[in-house]
PDB file of N, CA and C in Angstrom:
ATOM      1  N   MET A   1       0.862  -1.139   0.044  1.00  0.00           N
ATOM      2  CA  MET A   1      -0.001   0.018   0.133  1.00  0.00           C
ATOM      3  C   MET A   1       0.971   1.161   0.135  1.00  0.00           C
ATOM      4  N   SER A   2       0.496   2.264  -0.815  1.00  0.00           N
ATOM      5  CA  SER A   2       1.271   3.439  -0.845  1.00  0.00           C
ATOM      6  C   SER A   2       1.053   4.449   0.272  1.00  0.00           C
ATOM      7  N   ARG A   3       2.014   5.166   0.534  1.00  0.00           N
ATOM      8  CA  ARG A   3       2.130   6.091   1.691  1.00  0.00           C
ATOM      9  C   ARG A   3       0.927   7.322   0.959  1.00  0.00           C
ATOM     10  N   GLN A   4       0.280   7.989   2.266  1.00  0.00           N
ATOM     11  CA  GLN A   4      -0.677   8.989   1.829  1.00  0.00           C
ATOM     12  C   GLN A   4       0.079  10.314   1.357  1.00  0.00           C
ATOM     13  N   ARG A   5      -0.613  11.017   0.229  1.00  0.00           N
ATOM     14  CA  ARG A   5       0.164  12.248   0.008  1.00  0.00           C
ATOM     15  C   ARG A   5      -0.070  13.262   1.112  1.00  0.00           C
ATOM     16  N   SER A   6       0.710  14.265   1.113  1.00  0.00           N
ATOM     17  CA  SER A   6       0.255  15.501   2.087  1.00  0.00           C
ATOM     18  C   SER A   6      -1.132  16.292   1.310  1.00  0.00           C
ATOM     19  N   MET A   7      -1.701  16.801   2.225  1.00  0.00           N
ATOM     20  CA  MET A   7      -2.782  17.724   1.730  1.00  0.00           C
ATOM     21  C   MET A   7      -2.188  18.697   0.862  1.00  0.00           C
ATOM     22  N   GLU A   8      -1.090  19.259   1.147  1.00  0.00           N
ATOM     23  CA  GLU A   8      -0.567  20.177   0.203  1.00  0.00           C
ATOM     24  C   GLU A   8      -0.209  19.544  -1.088  1.00  0.00           C
ATOM     25  N   THR A   9       0.176  18.533  -1.139  1.00  0.00           N
ATOM     26  CA  THR A   9       0.449  17.792  -2.429  1.00  0.00           C
ATOM     27  C   THR A   9      -1.006  17.399  -3.391  1.00  0.00           C
ATOM     28  N   ILE A  10      -1.790  17.174  -2.500  1.00  0.00           N
ATOM     29  CA  ILE A  10      -3.221  16.792  -3.026  1.00  0.00           C
ATOM     30  C   ILE A  10      -3.739  18.172  -3.685  1.00  0.00           C
ATOM     31  N   LEU A  11      -3.679  19.392  -3.040  1.00  0.00           N
ATOM     32  CA  LEU A  11      -4.264  20.466  -3.403  1.00  0.00           C
ATOM     33  C   LEU A  11      -3.499  21.103  -4.477  1.00  0.00           C
ATOM     34  N   ASN A  12      -2.247  20.567  -4.771  1.00  0.00           N
ATOM     35  CA  ASN A  12      -1.486  21.146  -6.172  1.00  0.00           C
ATOM     36  C   ASN A  12      -1.614  20.181  -6.985  1.00  0.00           C
ATOM     37  N   SER A  13      -2.331  18.970  -7.023  1.00  0.00           N
ATOM     38  CA  SER A  13      -2.252  17.964  -8.079  1.00  0.00           C
ATOM     39  C   SER A  13      -3.479  18.309  -8.869  1.00  0.00           C
ATOM     40  N   GLU A  14      -3.337  17.945 -10.290  1.00  0.00           N
ATOM     41  CA  GLU A  14      -4.287  17.915 -11.096  1.00  0.00           C
ATOM     42  C   GLU A  14      -5.419  16.659 -11.193  1.00  0.00           C
ATOM     43  N   PHE A  15      -4.773  15.490 -10.811  1.00  0.00           N
ATOM     44  CA  PHE A  15      -5.596  14.254 -10.551  1.00  0.00           C
ATOM     45  C   PHE A  15      -5.413  13.750  -9.289  1.00  0.00           C
ATOM     46  N   VAL A  16      -6.620  13.238  -8.454  1.00  0.00           N
ATOM     47  CA  VAL A  16      -6.499  12.524  -7.418  1.00  0.00           C
ATOM     48  C   VAL A  16      -7.178  11.277  -7.367  1.00  0.00           C
ATOM     49  N   SER A  17      -6.968  10.504  -6.285  1.00  0.00           N
ATOM     50  CA  SER A  17      -7.632   9.381  -6.175  1.00  0.00           C
ATOM     51  C   SER A  17      -8.765   9.352  -5.403  1.00  0.00           C
ATOM     52  N   ILE A  18      -9.726   8.193  -5.203  1.00  0.00           N
ATOM     53  CA  ILE A  18     -11.031   8.482  -4.655  1.00  0.00           C
ATOM     54  C   ILE A  18     -10.600   8.434  -3.134  1.00  0.00           C
ATOM     55  N   GLY A  19      -9.557   7.935  -2.590  1.00  0.00           N
ATOM     56  CA  GLY A  19      -9.109   8.112  -1.182  1.00  0.00           C
ATOM     57  C   GLY A  19      -9.021   9.661  -0.970  1.00  0.00           C
ATOM     58  N   GLU A  20      -8.376  10.323  -1.854  1.00  0.00           N
ATOM     59  CA  GLU A  20      -8.116  11.738  -1.769  1.00  0.00           C
ATOM     60  C   GLU A  20      -9.200  12.499  -1.693  1.00  0.00           C
ATOM     61  N   LEU A  21     -10.194  12.208  -2.638  1.00  0.00           N
ATOM     62  CA  LEU A  21     -11.688  12.912  -2.529  1.00  0.00           C
ATOM     63  C   LEU A  21     -12.248  12.922  -1.343  1.00  0.00           C
ATOM     64  N   VAL A  22     -12.125  11.611  -0.813  1.00  0.00           N
ATOM     65  CA  VAL A  22     -12.756  11.457   0.840  1.00  0.00           C
ATOM     66  C   VAL A  22     -12.136  12.458   1.462  1.00  0.00           C
ATOM     67  N   ARG A  23     -10.945  12.642   1.630  1.00  0.00           N
ATOM     68  CA  ARG A  23     -10.416  13.600   2.334  1.00  0.00           C
ATOM     69  C   ARG A  23     -10.954  15.198   2.077  1.00  0.00           C
ATOM     70  N   LEU A  24     -10.561  15.271   0.726  1.00  0.00           N
ATOM     71  CA  LEU A  24     -11.014  16.873   0.233  1.00  0.00           C
ATOM     72  C   LEU A  24     -12.413  17.293   0.378  1.00  0.00           C
ATOM     73  N   THR A  25     -13.397  16.433   0.408  1.00  0.00           N
ATOM     74  CA  THR A  25     -14.857  16.568   0.517  1.00  0.00           C
ATOM     75  C   THR A  25     -15.505  16.132   1.750  1.00  0.00           C
ATOM     76  N   ASP A  26     -14.760  15.459   2.734  1.00  0.00           N
ATOM     77  CA  ASP A  26     -15.498  14.978   3.715  1.00  0.00           C
ATOM     78  C   ASP A  26     -16.526  14.028   3.328  1.00  0.00           C
ATOM     79  N   SER A  27     -16.552  13.232   2.314  1.00  0.00           N
ATOM     80  CA  SER A  27     -17.449  12.304   2.017  1.00  0.00           C
ATOM     81  C   SER A  27     -17.017  10.909   2.273  1.00  0.00           C
ATOM     82  N   ARG A  28     -17.819   9.890   2.222  1.00  0.00           N
ATOM     83  CA  ARG A  28     -17.615   8.446   2.828  1.00  0.00           C
ATOM     84  C   ARG A  28     -17.038   8.026   1.380  1.00  0.00           C
ATOM     85  N   TYR A  29     -16.350   6.955   1.528  1.00  0.00           N
ATOM     86  CA  TYR A  29     -15.683   6.244   0.307  1.00  0.00           C
ATOM     87  C   TYR A  29     -16.575   5.507  -0.506  1.00  0.00           C
ATOM     88  N   SER A  30     -17.632   4.760   0.325  1.00  0.00           N
ATOM     89  CA  SER A  30     -18.525   3.984  -0.374  1.00  0.00           C
ATOM     90  C   SER A  30     -19.788   4.971  -0.999  1.00  0.00           C
ATOM     91  N   THR A  31     -19.923   6.141  -0.825  1.00  0.00           N
ATOM     92  CA  THR A  31     -20.764   7.122  -1.294  1.00  0.00           C
ATOM     93  C   THR A  31     -19.874   7.588  -2.665  1.00  0.00           C
ATOM     94  N   LEU A  32     -18.686   7.744  -2.684  1.00  0.00           N
ATOM     95  CA  LEU A  32     -17.995   8.159  -3.953  1.00  0.00           C
ATOM     96  C   LEU A  32     -17.950   7.116  -4.790  1.00  0.00           C
ATOM     97  N   LYS A  33     -17.785   6.045  -4.258  1.00  0.00           N
ATOM     98  CA  LYS A  33     -17.757   4.719  -5.060  1.00  0.00           C
ATOM     99  C   LYS A  33     -19.062   4.589  -5.923  1.00  0.00           C
ATOM    100  N   PHE A  34     -20.133   4.714  -5.134  1.00  0.00           N
ATOM    101  CA  PHE A  34     -21.417   4.606  -5.698  1.00  0.00           C
ATOM    102  C   PHE A  34     -21.680   5.646  -6.702  1.00  0.00           C
ATOM    103  N   TYR A  35     -21.256   6.870  -6.417  1.00  0.00           N
ATOM    104  CA  TYR A  35     -21.527   7.909  -7.418  1.00  0.00           C
ATOM    105  C   TYR A  35     -20.582   7.766  -8.738  1.00  0.00           C
ATOM    106  N   THR A  36     -19.421   7.237  -8.448  1.00  0.00           N
ATOM    107  CA  THR A  36     -18.637   6.862  -9.653  1.00  0.00           C
ATOM    108  C   THR A  36     -19.411   5.687 -10.321  1.00  0.00           C
ATOM    109  N   GLU A  37     -19.665   4.662  -9.755  1.00  0.00           N
ATOM    110  CA  GLU A  37     -20.393   3.414 -10.539  1.00  0.00           C
ATOM    111  C   GLU A  37     -21.687   3.831 -11.163  1.00  0.00           C
ATOM    112  N   GLU A  38     -22.408   5.014 -10.733  1.00  0.00           N
ATOM    113  CA  GLU A  38     -23.497   5.475 -11.293  1.00  0.00           C
ATOM    114  C   GLU A  38     -23.238   6.433 -12.454  1.00  0.00           C
ATOM    115  N   GLY A  39     -22.006   6.720 -12.719  1.00  0.00           N
ATOM    116  CA  GLY A  39     -21.424   7.647 -13.663  1.00  0.00           C
ATOM    117  C   GLY A  39     -21.828   9.062 -13.382  1.00  0.00           C
ATOM    118  N   MET A  40     -21.875   9.483 -12.033  1.00  0.00           N
ATOM    119  CA  MET A  40     -22.025  10.822 -11.617  1.00  0.00           C
ATOM    120  C   MET A  40     -20.640  11.443 -11.449  1.00  0.00           C
ATOM    121  N   LEU A  41     -19.503  10.667 -11.116  1.00  0.00           N
ATOM    122  CA  LEU A  41     -18.156  11.342 -11.278  1.00  0.00           C
ATOM    123  C   LEU A  41     -17.376  10.543 -12.429  1.00  0.00           C
ATOM    124  N   PRO A  42     -16.731  11.581 -13.383  1.00  0.00           N
ATOM    125  CA  PRO A  42     -15.878  11.239 -14.449  1.00  0.00           C
ATOM    126  C   PRO A  42     -14.658  10.982 -13.832  1.00  0.00           C
ATOM    127  N   PHE A  43     -13.796   9.910 -14.562  1.00  0.00           N
ATOM    128  CA  PHE A  43     -12.627   9.456 -14.097  1.00  0.00           C
ATOM    129  C   PHE A  43     -11.850   9.232 -15.444  1.00  0.00           C
ATOM    130  N   GLU A  44     -10.720   8.954 -15.176  1.00  0.00           N
ATOM    131  CA  GLU A  44      -9.560   8.444 -16.243  1.00  0.00           C
ATOM    132  C   GLU A  44      -9.323   7.336 -15.650  1.00  0.00           C
ATOM    133  N   GLN A  45      -8.676   6.219 -16.452  1.00  0.00           N
ATOM    134  CA  GLN A  45      -8.136   4.946 -15.920  1.00  0.00           C
ATOM    135  C   GLN A  45      -7.012   4.742 -16.430  1.00  0.00           C
ATOM    136  N   ALA A  46      -5.738   4.595 -15.677  1.00  0.00           N
ATOM    137  CA  ALA A  46      -4.415   4.385 -16.292  1.00  0.00           C
ATOM    138  C   ALA A  46      -4.293   2.794 -16.395  1.00  0.00           C
ATOM    139  N   GLU A  47      -4.056   2.616 -17.524  1.00  0.00           N
ATOM    140  CA  GLU A  47      -4.122   1.094 -17.964  1.00  0.00           C
ATOM    141  C   GLU A  47      -3.071   0.320 -17.318  1.00  0.00           C
ATOM    142  N   GLU A  48      -1.837   0.957 -16.853  1.00  0.00           N
ATOM    143  CA  GLU A  48      -0.873   0.090 -16.439  1.00  0.00           C
ATOM    144  C   GLU A  48      -1.179  -0.754 -14.909  1.00  0.00           C
ATOM    145  N   ASN A  49      -1.979  -0.056 -14.234  1.00  0.00           N
ATOM    146  CA  ASN A  49      -2.291  -0.343 -12.900  1.00  0.00           C
ATOM    147  C   ASN A  49      -3.833  -0.235 -12.594  1.00  0.00           C
ATOM    148  N   LEU A  50      -4.726   0.071 -13.527  1.00  0.00           N
ATOM    149  CA  LEU A  50      -6.061   0.172 -13.481  1.00  0.00           C
ATOM    150  C   LEU A  50      -6.448   1.096 -12.433  1.00  0.00           C
ATOM    151  N   THR A  51      -5.782   2.095 -12.063  1.00  0.00           N
ATOM    152  CA  THR A  51      -6.231   3.092 -10.956  1.00  0.00           C
ATOM    153  C   THR A  51      -6.898   4.161 -11.646  1.00  0.00           C
ATOM    154  N   ARG A  52      -8.093   4.421 -11.066  1.00  0.00           N
ATOM    155  CA  ARG A  52      -9.105   5.568 -11.293  1.00  0.00           C
ATOM    156  C   ARG A  52      -8.446   6.903 -10.906  1.00  0.00           C
ATOM    157  N   ARG A  53      -8.361   7.852 -11.892  1.00  0.00           N
ATOM    158  CA  ARG A  53      -7.884   9.184 -11.534  1.00  0.00           C
ATOM    159  C   ARG A  53      -9.014  10.152 -11.702  1.00  0.00           C
ATOM    160  N   TYR A  54      -9.024  11.079 -10.630  1.00  0.00           N
ATOM    161  CA  TYR A  54     -10.280  11.955 -10.994  1.00  0.00           C
ATOM    162  C   TYR A  54      -9.437  13.286 -10.998  1.00  0.00           C
ATOM    163  N   ASN A  55     -10.188  14.300 -11.849  1.00  0.00           N
ATOM    164  CA  ASN A  55      -9.692  15.695 -11.928  1.00  0.00           C
ATOM    165  C   ASN A  55     -10.114  16.298 -10.863  1.00  0.00           C
ATOM    166  N   ARG A  56      -8.891  16.933 -10.013  1.00  0.00           N
ATOM    167  CA  ARG A  56      -9.320  17.361  -8.895  1.00  0.00           C
ATOM    168  C   ARG A  56     -10.396  18.564  -8.830  1.00  0.00           C
ATOM    169  N   GLU A  57     -10.001  19.495  -9.531  1.00  0.00           N
ATOM    170  CA  GLU A  57     -11.065  20.546  -9.497  1.00  0.00           C
ATOM    171  C   GLU A  57     -12.690  20.090  -9.970  1.00  0.00           C
ATOM    172  N   VAL A  58     -12.752  19.535 -11.125  1.00  0.00           N
ATOM    173  CA  VAL A  58     -13.922  19.304 -11.651  1.00  0.00           C
ATOM    174  C   VAL A  58     -14.727  18.370 -10.777  1.00  0.00           C
ATOM    175  N   THR A  59     -13.928  17.465 -10.255  1.00  0.00           N
ATOM    176  CA  THR A  59     -14.599  16.272  -9.513  1.00  0.00           C
ATOM    177  C   THR A  59     -15.009  16.924  -8.118  1.00  0.00           C
ATOM    178  N   VAL A  60     -14.426  17.591  -7.269  1.00  0.00           N
ATOM    179  CA  VAL A  60     -14.580  18.345  -6.191  1.00  0.00           C
ATOM    180  C   VAL A  60     -15.878  19.208  -6.320  1.00  0.00           C
ATOM    181  N   ALA A  61     -15.877  20.077  -7.331  1.00  0.00           N
ATOM    182  CA  ALA A  61     -17.024  20.778  -7.655  1.00  0.00           C
ATOM    183  C   ALA A  61     -18.372  19.899  -7.786  1.00  0.00           C
ATOM    184  N   ARG A  62     -18.112  18.874  -8.582  1.00  0.00           N
ATOM    185  CA  ARG A  62     -19.184  17.955  -8.725  1.00  0.00           C
ATOM    186  C   ARG A  62     -19.877  17.353  -7.556  1.00  0.00           C
ATOM    187  N   ILE A  63     -18.915  17.027  -6.688  1.00  0.00           N
ATOM    188  CA  ILE A  63     -19.107  16.305  -5.372  1.00  0.00           C
ATOM    189  C   ILE A  63     -20.137  17.277  -4.435  1.00  0.00           C
ATOM    190  N   LEU A  64     -19.535  18.368  -4.514  1.00  0.00           N
ATOM    191  CA  LEU A  64     -20.256  19.646  -3.709  1.00  0.00           C
ATOM    192  C   LEU A  64     -21.496  19.979  -4.102  1.00  0.00           C
ATOM    193  N   LEU A  65     -21.697  19.861  -5.662  1.00  0.00           N
ATOM    194  CA  LEU A  65     -23.059  20.161  -6.284  1.00  0.00           C
ATOM    195  C   LEU A  65     -23.939  19.003  -5.685  1.00  0.00           C
ATOM    196  N   ILE A  66     -23.467  17.798  -6.038  1.00  0.00           N
ATOM    197  CA  ILE A  66     -24.421  16.681  -5.514  1.00  0.00           C
ATOM    198  C   ILE A  66     -24.614  16.687  -3.914  1.00  0.00           C
ATOM    199  N   LYS A  67     -24.021  17.115  -3.212  1.00  0.00           N
ATOM    200  CA  LYS A  67     -24.246  17.239  -1.858  1.00  0.00           C
ATOM    201  C   LYS A  67     -25.436  18.442  -1.753  1.00  0.00           C
ATOM    202  N   GLU A  68     -25.164  19.505  -2.271  1.00  0.00           N
ATOM    203  CA  GLU A  68     -26.101  20.525  -2.243  1.00  0.00           C
ATOM    204  C   GLU A  68     -27.605  19.986  -2.548  1.00  0.00           C
ATOM    205  N   LEU A  69     -27.531  19.418  -3.928  1.00  0.00           N
ATOM    206  CA  LEU A  69     -28.834  18.628  -4.407  1.00  0.00           C
ATOM    207  C   LEU A  69     -29.455  17.778  -3.585  1.00  0.00           C
ATOM    208  N   LYS A  70     -28.612  16.908  -2.851  1.00  0.00           N
ATOM    209  CA  LYS A  70     -29.082  15.894  -1.923  1.00  0.00           C
ATOM    210  C   LYS A  70     -29.635  16.729  -0.659  1.00  0.00           C
ATOM    211  N   GLY A  71     -28.919  17.595  -0.346  1.00  0.00           N
ATOM    212  CA  GLY A  71     -29.630  18.525   0.894  1.00  0.00           C
ATOM    213  C   GLY A  71     -30.929  19.112   0.562  1.00  0.00           C
ATOM    214  N   ARG A  72     -31.119  19.350  -0.559  1.00  0.00           N
ATOM    215  CA  ARG A  72     -32.470  20.238  -1.071  1.00  0.00           C
ATOM    216  C   ARG A  72     -33.496  18.697  -1.238  1.00  0.00           C
ATOM    217  N   GLY A  73     -33.059  17.636  -0.830  1.00  0.00           N
ATOM    218  CA  GLY A  73     -34.068  16.608  -0.831  1.00  0.00           C
ATOM    219  C   GLY A  73     -34.110  15.747  -2.346  1.00  0.00           C
ATOM    220  N   LEU A  74     -33.303  16.117  -3.152  1.00  0.00           N
ATOM    221  CA  LEU A  74     -33.435  15.506  -4.444  1.00  0.00           C
ATOM    222  C   LEU A  74     -33.147  13.953  -4.632  1.00  0.00           C
ATOM    223  N   SER A  75     -33.640  13.111  -5.289  1.00  0.00           N
ATOM    224  CA  SER A  75     -33.454  11.879  -5.176  1.00  0.00           C
ATOM    225  C   SER A  75     -32.108  11.604  -6.272  1.00  0.00           C
ATOM    226  N   ILE A  76     -31.490  10.453  -6.260  1.00  0.00           N
ATOM    227  CA  ILE A  76     -30.366  10.066  -7.203  1.00  0.00           C
ATOM    228  C   ILE A  76     -30.864  10.497  -8.822  1.00  0.00           C
ATOM    229  N   PRO A  77     -31.856   9.875  -9.090  1.00  0.00           N
ATOM    230  CA  PRO A  77     -32.398  10.022 -10.446  1.00  0.00           C
ATOM    231  C   PRO A  77     -32.437  11.698 -10.805  1.00  0.00           C
ATOM    232  N   GLN A  78     -33.163  12.198  -9.859  1.00  0.00           N
ATOM    233  CA  GLN A  78     -33.295  13.839 -10.122  1.00  0.00           C
ATOM    234  C   GLN A  78     -32.047  14.496 -10.146  1.00  0.00           C
ATOM    235  N   ILE A  79     -30.960  14.075  -9.298  1.00  0.00           N
ATOM    236  CA  ILE A  79     -29.612  14.748  -9.144  1.00  0.00           C
ATOM    237  C   ILE A  79     -29.114  14.504 -10.627  1.00  0.00           C
ATOM    238  N   LYS A  80     -29.095  13.183 -11.117  1.00  0.00           N
ATOM    239  CA  LYS A  80     -28.456  12.877 -12.352  1.00  0.00           C
ATOM    240  C   LYS A  80     -29.076  13.695 -13.507  1.00  0.00           C
ATOM    241  N   ASP A  81     -30.469  14.001 -13.366  1.00  0.00           N
ATOM    242  CA  ASP A  81     -31.061  14.712 -14.171  1.00  0.00           C
ATOM    243  C   ASP A  81     -30.700  16.185 -14.238  1.00  0.00           C
ATOM    244  N   ALA A  82     -30.222  16.792 -13.122  1.00  0.00           N
ATOM    245  CA  ALA A  82     -29.914  18.036 -12.732  1.00  0.00           C
ATOM    246  C   ALA A  82     -28.516  18.186 -13.322  1.00  0.00           C
ATOM    247  N   LEU A  83     -27.607  17.080 -13.272  1.00  0.00           N
ATOM    248  CA  LEU A  83     -26.256  17.124 -13.811  1.00  0.00           C
ATOM    249  C   LEU A  83     -26.122  16.898 -15.270  1.00  0.00           C
ATOM    250  N   GLY A  84     -27.414  16.751 -15.943  1.00  0.00           N
ATOM    251  CA  GLY A  84     -27.528  16.582 -17.445  1.00  0.00           C
ATOM    252  C   GLY A  84     -27.347  15.241 -17.815  1.00  0.00           C
ATOM    253  N   MET A  85     -27.337  14.394 -17.007  1.00  0.00           N
ATOM    254  CA  MET A  85     -26.977  12.899 -17.427  1.00  0.00           C
ATOM    255  C   MET A  85     -28.337  12.170 -18.043  1.00  0.00           C
ATOM    256  N   ASP A  86     -28.100  11.477 -18.922  1.00  0.00           N
ATOM    257  CA  ASP A  86     -29.267  10.630 -19.729  1.00  0.00           C
ATOM    258  C   ASP A  86     -29.326   9.463 -18.786  1.00  0.00           C
ATOM    259  N   GLN A  87     -30.660   9.144 -18.328  1.00  0.00           N
ATOM    260  CA  GLN A  87     -31.106   7.926 -17.715  1.00  0.00           C
ATOM    261  C   GLN A  87     -31.150   6.802 -18.491  1.00  0.00           C
TER     262      GLN A  87
END
């Protein structure tokens, strides 16, 4: 298992891991994994080790928007619609 990167390094990185997104957004790993599997969080996958990489700025903004919409009481299908995703 690799050593955790410092918050300073994470904040200066273009791409982050799902574990680093947990730290940045105070979200649960299982929640972000669900959002990823539902297609709500875009990622790139490095072929050599199959690690998912998320664009830090875009993905953090998307997670914060999802949290806001959930706070308004929207369901996952409604959030997907608000995000412009085809169901």
